[in-house]
Amino acid sequence: MEKLQYISQGQTKEEQEFNIRKALDNGIKWLQVRWKNAYENEFFQLCEISKKLCSEYQTVCIINDHVQMAKEIDADGVHLGLKDVSIEMARHVLGKNKMIGGTANTLSDVLQRISEPCDYIGLGPLRFTATKEKLSPILGFEGYQDIIKNLKDKSIAIPKIYAIGGVVLQDIEPLQQIGIYGAAVSGEITNRPAVISEFKKAMI
């Protein structure tokens, strides 16, 4: 599983597509298409374009929230927030071969995601991020450390956890030392797509 995810950004379909194309041109191999407050038909069009581009670039294409849409365009999977449809329901719709990721903010969320089970966990936010409207309590490095320590103390195998929320290049080394698998990055890549190669080098 790729260690670096790009979560798409943009206020319009054109902006979103432009940013996605830039990320793909700069070597991203895992894209999560995320566009809150979009009209459904526009989001669907963006997802269709994204899936087609990802196929050309041999990149994983995950759709944020919209399970049915992911099925219709034959995306590689979905990423679900805590208030979205259940992992079980998504699995029923998409089948066993698609990837399903789940958001978590606390230790109990992580334990829930492990039991459901999802393929990977997006755990955050690491710090304040303007990308998210309703931000969960900020974890910071200590928050990640506490969660990983708790899992180890319970002798639970550490799942593939991606740090999310304001992640920048300098965070990768400390996060990996804690035991975090990868990172989902939005703003940093949107603003400077060339940073993708640096992220990849930093991820052991």
C-alpha atoms as a PDB file:
ATOM      1  CA  MET A   1       0.000   0.000   0.000  1.00  0.00           C
ATOM      2  CA  GLU A   2       1.368   3.425  -0.988  1.00  0.00           C
ATOM      3  CA  LYS A   3       2.536   5.521   1.967  1.00  0.00           C
ATOM      4  CA  LEU A   4       1.624   8.910   0.473  1.00  0.00           C
ATOM      5  CA  GLN A   5      -1.938   9.935  -0.371  1.00  0.00           C
ATOM      6  CA  TYR A   6      -2.956  13.178  -2.036  1.00  0.00           C
ATOM      7  CA  ILE A   7      -6.364  14.466  -0.984  1.00  0.00           C
ATOM      8  CA  SER A   8      -7.680  16.629  -3.796  1.00  0.00           C
ATOM      9  CA  GLN A   9      -8.396  20.301  -3.233  1.00  0.00           C
ATOM     10  CA  GLY A  10     -10.199  23.077  -5.086  1.00  0.00           C
ATOM     11  CA  GLN A  11     -13.365  25.177  -4.966  1.00  0.00           C
ATOM     12  CA  THR A  12     -14.461  24.382  -8.518  1.00  0.00           C
ATOM     13  CA  LYS A  13     -14.354  21.328 -10.783  1.00  0.00           C
ATOM     14  CA  GLU A  14     -11.701  23.065 -12.903  1.00  0.00           C
ATOM     15  CA  GLU A  15      -9.510  23.820  -9.873  1.00  0.00           C
ATOM     16  CA  GLN A  16      -9.890  20.279  -8.578  1.00  0.00           C
ATOM     17  CA  GLU A  17      -8.990  18.741 -11.933  1.00  0.00           C
ATOM     18  CA  PHE A  18      -6.027  21.107 -12.376  1.00  0.00           C
ATOM     19  CA  ASN A  19      -4.638  20.173  -8.935  1.00  0.00           C
ATOM     20  CA  ILE A  20      -5.203  16.452  -9.524  1.00  0.00           C
ATOM     21  CA  ARG A  21      -3.406  16.584 -12.872  1.00  0.00           C
ATOM     22  CA  LYS A  22      -0.457  18.435 -11.282  1.00  0.00           C
ATOM     23  CA  ALA A  23      -0.186  15.842  -8.522  1.00  0.00           C
ATOM     24  CA  LEU A  24      -0.291  12.983 -11.049  1.00  0.00           C
ATOM     25  CA  ASP A  25       2.319  14.665 -13.238  1.00  0.00           C
ATOM     26  CA  ASN A  26       4.553  14.921 -10.179  1.00  0.00           C
ATOM     27  CA  GLY A  27       4.307  11.227  -9.369  1.00  0.00           C
ATOM     28  CA  ILE A  28       1.461  10.757  -6.897  1.00  0.00           C
ATOM     29  CA  LYS A  29       0.349   7.111  -6.823  1.00  0.00           C
ATOM     30  CA  TRP A  30      -2.645   7.379  -4.519  1.00  0.00           C
ATOM     31  CA  LEU A  31      -5.389   9.949  -4.989  1.00  0.00           C
ATOM     32  CA  GLN A  32      -8.381  10.544  -2.751  1.00  0.00           C
ATOM     33  CA  VAL A  33     -10.996  12.629  -4.550  1.00  0.00           C
ATOM     34  CA  ARG A  34     -12.516  14.918  -1.937  1.00  0.00           C
ATOM     35  CA  TRP A  35     -14.754  17.893  -2.684  1.00  0.00           C
ATOM     36  CA  LYS A  36     -17.150  18.893   0.053  1.00  0.00           C
ATOM     37  CA  ASN A  37     -20.180  21.070  -0.764  1.00  0.00           C
ATOM     38  CA  ALA A  38     -20.053  20.134  -4.457  1.00  0.00           C
ATOM     39  CA  TYR A  39     -23.145  19.589  -6.562  1.00  0.00           C
ATOM     40  CA  GLU A  40     -23.577  15.852  -6.949  1.00  0.00           C
ATOM     41  CA  ASN A  41     -23.482  15.878 -10.763  1.00  0.00           C
ATOM     42  CA  GLU A  42     -20.285  17.961 -10.770  1.00  0.00           C
ATOM     43  CA  PHE A  43     -18.667  15.702  -8.192  1.00  0.00           C
ATOM     44  CA  PHE A  44     -19.624  12.677 -10.255  1.00  0.00           C
ATOM     45  CA  GLN A  45     -18.027  14.231 -13.359  1.00  0.00           C
ATOM     46  CA  LEU A  46     -14.862  14.973 -11.366  1.00  0.00           C
ATOM     47  CA  CYS A  47     -14.755  11.389 -10.085  1.00  0.00           C
ATOM     48  CA  GLU A  48     -15.151  10.037 -13.625  1.00  0.00           C
ATOM     49  CA  ILE A  49     -12.315  12.252 -14.909  1.00  0.00           C
ATOM     50  CA  SER A  50     -10.138  11.328 -11.914  1.00  0.00           C
ATOM     51  CA  LYS A  51     -10.665   7.600 -12.366  1.00  0.00           C
ATOM     52  CA  LYS A  52      -9.773   7.852 -16.059  1.00  0.00           C
ATOM     53  CA  LEU A  53      -6.610   9.867 -15.274  1.00  0.00           C
ATOM     54  CA  CYS A  54      -5.610   7.502 -12.468  1.00  0.00           C
ATOM     55  CA  SER A  55      -5.931   4.536 -14.833  1.00  0.00           C
ATOM     56  CA  GLU A  56      -3.593   6.288 -17.286  1.00  0.00           C
ATOM     57  CA  TYR A  57      -1.073   7.087 -14.526  1.00  0.00           C
ATOM     58  CA  GLN A  58      -1.484   3.699 -12.780  1.00  0.00           C
ATOM     59  CA  THR A  59      -2.560   5.494  -9.625  1.00  0.00           C
ATOM     60  CA  VAL A  60      -4.967   4.285  -6.938  1.00  0.00           C
ATOM     61  CA  CYS A  61      -8.243   6.269  -7.037  1.00  0.00           C
ATOM     62  CA  ILE A  62     -10.262   6.486  -3.818  1.00  0.00           C
ATOM     63  CA  ILE A  63     -13.515   8.465  -3.512  1.00  0.00           C
ATOM     64  CA  ASN A  64     -14.294  10.356  -0.310  1.00  0.00           C
ATOM     65  CA  ASP A  65     -17.682   9.446   1.273  1.00  0.00           C
ATOM     66  CA  HIS A  66     -19.691   8.504  -1.838  1.00  0.00           C
ATOM     67  CA  VAL A  67     -19.928   4.703  -1.867  1.00  0.00           C
ATOM     68  CA  GLN A  68     -22.447   4.389  -4.687  1.00  0.00           C
ATOM     69  CA  MET A  69     -20.463   6.771  -6.874  1.00  0.00           C
ATOM     70  CA  ALA A  70     -17.281   4.794  -6.224  1.00  0.00           C
ATOM     71  CA  LYS A  71     -19.114   1.674  -7.387  1.00  0.00           C
ATOM     72  CA  GLU A  72     -20.503   3.354 -10.519  1.00  0.00           C
ATOM     73  CA  ILE A  73     -17.135   4.622 -11.752  1.00  0.00           C
ATOM     74  CA  ASP A  74     -15.315   1.469 -10.593  1.00  0.00           C
ATOM     75  CA  ALA A  75     -12.946   3.411  -8.309  1.00  0.00           C
ATOM     76  CA  ASP A  76     -10.403   1.466  -6.267  1.00  0.00           C
ATOM     77  CA  GLY A  77     -12.333   2.168  -3.086  1.00  0.00           C
ATOM     78  CA  VAL A  78     -13.745   4.752  -0.679  1.00  0.00           C
ATOM     79  CA  HIS A  79     -12.704   6.694   2.378  1.00  0.00           C
ATOM     80  CA  LEU A  80     -15.406   7.069   5.039  1.00  0.00           C
ATOM     81  CA  GLY A  81     -15.752   9.554   7.864  1.00  0.00           C
ATOM     82  CA  LEU A  82     -17.103   8.514  11.269  1.00  0.00           C
ATOM     83  CA  LYS A  83     -20.554   9.871  10.412  1.00  0.00           C
ATOM     84  CA  ASP A  84     -20.705   8.355   6.917  1.00  0.00           C
ATOM     85  CA  VAL A  85     -22.184   4.970   6.034  1.00  0.00           C
ATOM     86  CA  SER A  86     -20.725   2.008   7.902  1.00  0.00           C
ATOM     87  CA  ILE A  87     -17.709   0.048   6.677  1.00  0.00           C
ATOM     88  CA  GLU A  88     -19.961  -3.033   6.612  1.00  0.00           C
ATOM     89  CA  MET A  89     -22.495  -1.342   4.324  1.00  0.00           C
ATOM     90  CA  ALA A  90     -19.735  -0.038   2.030  1.00  0.00           C
ATOM     91  CA  ARG A  91     -18.200  -3.526   1.865  1.00  0.00           C
ATOM     92  CA  HIS A  92     -21.597  -4.951   0.911  1.00  0.00           C
ATOM     93  CA  VAL A  93     -21.938  -2.425  -1.942  1.00  0.00           C
ATOM     94  CA  LEU A  94     -18.345  -2.516  -3.212  1.00  0.00           C
ATOM     95  CA  GLY A  95     -17.411  -6.153  -2.653  1.00  0.00           C
ATOM     96  CA  LYS A  96     -14.402  -7.626  -0.931  1.00  0.00           C
ATOM     97  CA  ASN A  97     -11.728  -6.517  -3.419  1.00  0.00           C
ATOM     98  CA  LYS A  98     -12.153  -2.747  -3.076  1.00  0.00           C
ATOM     99  CA  MET A  99     -10.208  -0.685  -0.559  1.00  0.00           C
ATOM    100  CA  ILE A 100     -12.087   0.940   2.312  1.00  0.00           C
ATOM    101  CA  GLY A 101     -10.446   3.496   4.582  1.00  0.00           C
ATOM    102  CA  GLY A 102     -11.930   5.012   7.714  1.00  0.00           C
ATOM    103  CA  THR A 103     -11.343   8.235   9.615  1.00  0.00           C
ATOM    104  CA  ALA A 104     -10.439   8.154  13.324  1.00  0.00           C
ATOM    105  CA  ASN A 105      -9.672  10.806  15.946  1.00  0.00           C
ATOM    106  CA  THR A 106      -9.397   8.906  19.242  1.00  0.00           C
ATOM    107  CA  LEU A 107      -8.182   5.542  20.527  1.00  0.00           C
ATOM    108  CA  SER A 108     -11.773   4.259  20.676  1.00  0.00           C
ATOM    109  CA  ASP A 109     -12.273   5.311  17.022  1.00  0.00           C
ATOM    110  CA  VAL A 110      -9.124   3.384  16.067  1.00  0.00           C
ATOM    111  CA  LEU A 111     -10.337   0.281  17.966  1.00  0.00           C
ATOM    112  CA  GLN A 112     -13.709   0.596  16.219  1.00  0.00           C
ATOM    113  CA  ARG A 113     -12.008   0.835  12.795  1.00  0.00           C
ATOM    114  CA  ILE A 114      -9.834  -2.207  13.572  1.00  0.00           C
ATOM    115  CA  SER A 115     -12.883  -4.262  14.537  1.00  0.00           C
ATOM    116  CA  GLU A 116     -15.027  -3.224  11.553  1.00  0.00           C
ATOM    117  CA  PRO A 117     -12.479  -3.835   9.805  1.00  0.00           C
ATOM    118  CA  CYS A 118     -11.235  -1.253   7.312  1.00  0.00           C
ATOM    119  CA  ASP A 119      -8.095  -1.537   5.159  1.00  0.00           C
ATOM    120  CA  TYR A 120      -6.408   1.574   6.538  1.00  0.00           C
ATOM    121  CA  ILE A 121      -7.128   4.359   9.022  1.00  0.00           C
ATOM    122  CA  GLY A 122      -6.824   8.111   8.455  1.00  0.00           C
ATOM    123  CA  LEU A 123      -5.979   9.371  11.943  1.00  0.00           C
ATOM    124  CA  GLY A 124      -5.910  13.044  12.756  1.00  0.00           C
ATOM    125  CA  PRO A 125      -5.785  15.919  12.663  1.00  0.00           C
ATOM    126  CA  LEU A 126      -2.079  16.307  13.404  1.00  0.00           C
ATOM    127  CA  ARG A 127      -2.509  20.083  13.634  1.00  0.00           C
ATOM    128  CA  PHE A 128      -4.948  22.798  12.592  1.00  0.00           C
ATOM    129  CA  THR A 129      -5.923  22.647   8.926  1.00  0.00           C
ATOM    130  CA  ALA A 130      -8.098  25.008   6.937  1.00  0.00           C
ATOM    131  CA  THR A 131      -9.089  22.149   4.594  1.00  0.00           C
ATOM    132  CA  LYS A 132     -11.567  20.698   7.055  1.00  0.00           C
ATOM    133  CA  GLU A 133     -14.642  22.684   8.121  1.00  0.00           C
ATOM    134  CA  LYS A 134     -15.580  20.767  11.278  1.00  0.00           C
ATOM    135  CA  LEU A 135     -12.210  19.927  12.727  1.00  0.00           C
ATOM    136  CA  SER A 136     -11.925  17.175  15.354  1.00  0.00           C
ATOM    137  CA  PRO A 137      -9.714  17.790  18.422  1.00  0.00           C
ATOM    138  CA  ILE A 138      -6.088  18.203  17.354  1.00  0.00           C
ATOM    139  CA  LEU A 139      -3.844  15.226  18.217  1.00  0.00           C
ATOM    140  CA  GLY A 140      -0.317  16.572  17.788  1.00  0.00           C
ATOM    141  CA  PHE A 141       2.594  14.121  17.895  1.00  0.00           C
ATOM    142  CA  GLU A 142       1.780  13.239  21.524  1.00  0.00           C
ATOM    143  CA  GLY A 143      -1.723  12.146  20.554  1.00  0.00           C
ATOM    144  CA  TYR A 144      -0.353   9.729  17.956  1.00  0.00           C
ATOM    145  CA  GLN A 145       2.244   8.456  20.438  1.00  0.00           C
ATOM    146  CA  ASP A 146      -0.418   7.771  23.076  1.00  0.00           C
ATOM    147  CA  ILE A 147      -2.642   5.863  20.632  1.00  0.00           C
ATOM    148  CA  ILE A 148       0.204   3.686  19.317  1.00  0.00           C
ATOM    149  CA  LYS A 149       1.415   3.018  22.892  1.00  0.00           C
ATOM    150  CA  ASN A 150      -2.108   1.986  23.940  1.00  0.00           C
ATOM    151  CA  LEU A 151      -2.399  -0.439  21.018  1.00  0.00           C
ATOM    152  CA  LYS A 152       0.992  -1.959  21.893  1.00  0.00           C
ATOM    153  CA  ASP A 153       0.032  -2.228  25.582  1.00  0.00           C
ATOM    154  CA  LYS A 154      -3.115  -4.134  24.534  1.00  0.00           C
ATOM    155  CA  SER A 155      -0.981  -6.347  22.231  1.00  0.00           C
ATOM    156  CA  ILE A 156      -3.037  -5.219  19.229  1.00  0.00           C
ATOM    157  CA  ALA A 157      -1.275  -5.336  15.863  1.00  0.00           C
ATOM    158  CA  ILE A 158      -0.720  -1.773  14.614  1.00  0.00           C
ATOM    159  CA  PRO A 159      -2.906  -1.200  11.541  1.00  0.00           C
ATOM    160  CA  LYS A 160      -1.889   0.896   8.542  1.00  0.00           C
ATOM    161  CA  ILE A 161      -2.425   4.374   9.969  1.00  0.00           C
ATOM    162  CA  TYR A 162      -2.092   7.518   7.870  1.00  0.00           C
ATOM    163  CA  ALA A 163      -1.527  10.851   9.595  1.00  0.00           C
ATOM    164  CA  ILE A 164      -3.834  13.534   8.276  1.00  0.00           C
ATOM    165  CA  GLY A 165      -4.450  17.223   8.930  1.00  0.00           C
ATOM    166  CA  GLY A 166      -1.859  19.859   8.151  1.00  0.00           C
ATOM    167  CA  VAL A 167       0.937  17.333   7.510  1.00  0.00           C
ATOM    168  CA  VAL A 168       4.141  18.864   6.096  1.00  0.00           C
ATOM    169  CA  LEU A 169       7.390  17.284   4.909  1.00  0.00           C
ATOM    170  CA  GLN A 170       9.243  17.774   8.220  1.00  0.00           C
ATOM    171  CA  ASP A 171       6.581  15.697  10.032  1.00  0.00           C
ATOM    172  CA  ILE A 172       7.295  12.453   8.199  1.00  0.00           C
ATOM    173  CA  GLU A 173      10.371  11.367  10.143  1.00  0.00           C
ATOM    174  CA  PRO A 174       8.884  11.879  13.641  1.00  0.00           C
ATOM    175  CA  LEU A 175       5.592  10.266  12.565  1.00  0.00           C
ATOM    176  CA  GLN A 176       7.357   7.195  11.223  1.00  0.00           C
ATOM    177  CA  GLN A 177       9.424   6.942  14.410  1.00  0.00           C
ATOM    178  CA  ILE A 178       6.155   6.835  16.355  1.00  0.00           C
ATOM    179  CA  GLY A 179       4.919   3.964  14.158  1.00  0.00           C
ATOM    180  CA  ILE A 180       2.587   5.772  11.751  1.00  0.00           C
ATOM    181  CA  TYR A 181       2.515   4.044   8.354  1.00  0.00           C
ATOM    182  CA  GLY A 182       2.000   6.975   5.985  1.00  0.00           C
ATOM    183  CA  ALA A 183       0.434  10.393   5.439  1.00  0.00           C
ATOM    184  CA  ALA A 184      -2.514  11.897   3.605  1.00  0.00           C
ATOM    185  CA  VAL A 185      -1.519  15.348   2.389  1.00  0.00           C
ATOM    186  CA  SER A 186      -3.608  18.065   0.786  1.00  0.00           C
ATOM    187  CA  GLY A 187      -2.492  21.701   1.028  1.00  0.00           C
ATOM    188  CA  GLU A 188       1.253  21.078   0.946  1.00  0.00           C
ATOM    189  CA  ILE A 189       0.966  19.130  -2.337  1.00  0.00           C
ATOM    190  CA  THR A 190      -1.616  21.466  -3.882  1.00  0.00           C
ATOM    191  CA  ASN A 191       0.648  24.457  -3.261  1.00  0.00           C
ATOM    192  CA  ARG A 192       3.878  22.748  -4.335  1.00  0.00           C
ATOM    193  CA  PRO A 193       3.337  19.497  -6.268  1.00  0.00           C
ATOM    194  CA  ALA A 194       7.107  19.017  -6.719  1.00  0.00           C
ATOM    195  CA  VAL A 195       7.249  18.231  -2.971  1.00  0.00           C
ATOM    196  CA  ILE A 196       5.792  14.771  -3.753  1.00  0.00           C
ATOM    197  CA  SER A 197       9.232  13.356  -4.606  1.00  0.00           C
ATOM    198  CA  GLU A 198      10.603  14.738  -1.312  1.00  0.00           C
ATOM    199  CA  PHE A 199       7.785  13.132   0.658  1.00  0.00           C
ATOM    200  CA  LYS A 200       8.484   9.808  -1.031  1.00  0.00           C
ATOM    201  CA  LYS A 201      12.179  10.002  -0.176  1.00  0.00           C
ATOM    202  CA  ALA A 202      11.342  10.762   3.455  1.00  0.00           C
ATOM    203  CA  MET A 203       9.018   7.748   3.708  1.00  0.00           C
ATOM    204  CA  ILE A 204      11.131   4.702   4.451  1.00  0.00           C
END
